[in-house]
């Protein structure tokens, strides 16, 4: 797609917005495999929040998901291309929730202050 901000090979972290308090918190991290007409096919991992443990857990099996990044229901962050998607996990870093590869990459996803 000419002029697109997101291209095949880019890596993304996508947060699906919740519309209701009791909705499941879902995140996805993956690599763009293809694009077509504003749709993006990503291969990667789903992360789901488990309220009992108060943590995000990665689903063990890789998935293929299709997203429209123009959808207001998604918060999209670019991840550096050299990050290993399979190594990503959620950790508290300096009192803030982040997704990290445990090496050089950490993305703070708690925009509203320290983790309680």
Protein backbone atom coordinates (compact mmCIF):
# COMPACT_ATOMS: atom_id res chain seq x y z
CA UNK A 1 0.00 0.00 0.00
CA UNK A 2 1.69 3.19 -1.16
CA UNK A 3 2.16 5.85 1.48
CA UNK A 4 1.07 3.59 4.32
CA UNK A 5 2.53 4.20 7.77
CA UNK A 6 2.42 0.45 8.44
CA UNK A 7 4.11 -2.00 6.08
CA UNK A 8 4.70 -5.72 5.76
CA UNK A 9 7.40 -6.68 8.27
CA UNK A 10 6.43 -4.02 10.81
CA UNK A 11 5.62 -5.23 14.31
CA UNK A 12 2.66 -3.89 16.25
CA UNK A 13 1.21 -4.03 19.74
CA UNK A 14 -2.57 -3.56 19.59
CA UNK A 15 -4.81 -2.88 22.57
CA UNK A 16 -8.51 -3.51 22.00
CA UNK A 17 -10.49 -0.83 23.82
CA UNK A 18 -13.10 -1.96 26.32
CA UNK A 19 -16.52 -0.37 26.17
CA UNK A 20 -17.74 -1.86 29.47
CA UNK A 21 -15.92 -2.38 32.77
CA UNK A 22 -16.44 -6.16 32.81
CA UNK A 23 -15.20 -6.78 29.25
CA UNK A 24 -12.10 -8.92 28.84
CA UNK A 25 -8.90 -6.95 28.36
CA UNK A 26 -7.28 -8.12 25.13
CA UNK A 27 -3.97 -7.21 23.56
CA UNK A 28 -2.18 -8.57 20.51
CA UNK A 29 1.46 -8.37 19.44
CA UNK A 30 2.45 -9.49 15.99
CA UNK A 31 4.22 -8.92 12.70
CA UNK A 32 2.38 -7.57 9.67
CA UNK A 33 2.26 -10.41 7.12
CA UNK A 34 0.12 -8.67 4.49
CA UNK A 35 -2.05 -5.63 3.87
CA UNK A 36 -5.03 -5.00 1.63
CA UNK A 37 -7.55 -2.16 1.43
CA UNK A 38 -6.88 -0.88 4.96
CA UNK A 39 -6.79 -4.34 6.53
CA UNK A 40 -3.67 -5.75 8.14
CA UNK A 41 -2.96 -9.44 8.67
CA UNK A 42 -0.73 -9.97 11.71
CA UNK A 43 0.92 -13.15 12.93
CA UNK A 44 1.69 -13.16 16.61
CA UNK A 45 0.29 -13.71 20.08
CA UNK A 46 -2.84 -12.78 21.98
CA UNK A 47 -2.56 -11.57 25.57
CA UNK A 48 -5.57 -11.74 27.91
CA UNK A 49 -5.89 -10.16 31.34
CA UNK A 50 -6.64 -12.57 34.19
CA UNK A 51 -8.24 -10.56 36.98
CA UNK A 52 -7.76 -13.28 39.60
CA UNK A 53 -3.98 -13.04 39.21
CA UNK A 54 -4.03 -9.38 38.14
CA UNK A 55 -1.77 -10.12 35.16
CA UNK A 56 -1.73 -10.47 31.38
CA UNK A 57 -1.02 -13.95 30.06
CA UNK A 58 0.10 -14.81 26.57
CA UNK A 59 -1.88 -17.50 24.79
CA UNK A 60 0.67 -20.23 24.03
CA UNK A 61 -0.26 -20.76 20.39
CA UNK A 62 0.56 -18.20 17.69
CA UNK A 63 -2.44 -16.72 15.90
CA UNK A 64 -3.25 -14.89 12.71
CA UNK A 65 -5.49 -11.88 13.19
CA UNK A 66 -6.86 -9.30 10.79
CA UNK A 67 -7.24 -5.71 11.98
CA UNK A 68 -8.49 -2.47 10.56
CA UNK A 69 -6.15 0.02 12.18
CA UNK A 70 -8.57 2.82 11.35
CA UNK A 71 -11.00 1.34 13.86
CA UNK A 72 -11.33 3.62 16.90
CA UNK A 73 -11.55 0.47 19.00
CA UNK A 74 -7.79 -0.10 18.79
CA UNK A 75 -4.77 1.59 20.31
CA UNK A 76 -1.81 0.74 18.08
CA UNK A 77 1.87 0.97 18.99
CA UNK A 78 4.79 0.17 16.68
CA UNK A 79 7.41 -2.22 18.00
CA UNK A 80 10.98 -2.17 16.64
CA UNK A 81 11.44 -4.72 13.85
CA UNK A 82 14.30 -6.48 15.67
CA UNK A 83 12.12 -7.43 18.68
CA UNK A 84 11.32 -11.14 18.97
CA UNK A 85 7.51 -11.25 19.25
CA UNK A 86 7.64 -14.73 20.82
CA UNK A 87 9.77 -13.35 23.70
CA UNK A 88 7.31 -10.61 24.70
CA UNK A 89 5.73 -10.70 28.15
CA UNK A 90 4.15 -8.29 30.59
CA UNK A 91 6.17 -7.16 33.60
CA UNK A 92 6.08 -4.32 36.07
CA UNK A 93 9.08 -2.12 35.26
CA UNK A 94 9.83 0.79 37.62
CA UNK A 95 6.32 0.52 39.07
CA UNK A 96 4.62 0.65 35.67
CA UNK A 97 3.12 -2.11 33.54
CA UNK A 98 5.13 -2.75 30.37
CA UNK A 99 5.38 -5.30 27.62
CA UNK A 100 9.02 -6.29 27.18
CA UNK A 101 11.29 -8.77 25.46
CA UNK A 102 13.44 -8.88 28.60
CA UNK A 103 16.38 -7.35 26.76
CA UNK A 104 16.34 -3.99 24.98
CA UNK A 105 12.64 -3.35 24.41
CA UNK A 106 10.01 -2.22 26.92
CA UNK A 107 6.76 -0.42 26.11
CA UNK A 108 4.96 1.24 29.01
CA UNK A 109 1.27 0.56 28.51
CA UNK A 110 -0.02 2.09 31.73
CA UNK A 111 -0.70 5.63 30.57
CA UNK A 112 -2.43 6.73 33.76
CA UNK A 113 0.15 6.24 36.48
CA UNK A 114 1.88 3.55 38.53
CA UNK A 115 0.49 0.06 38.90
CA UNK A 116 -1.48 -0.23 42.11
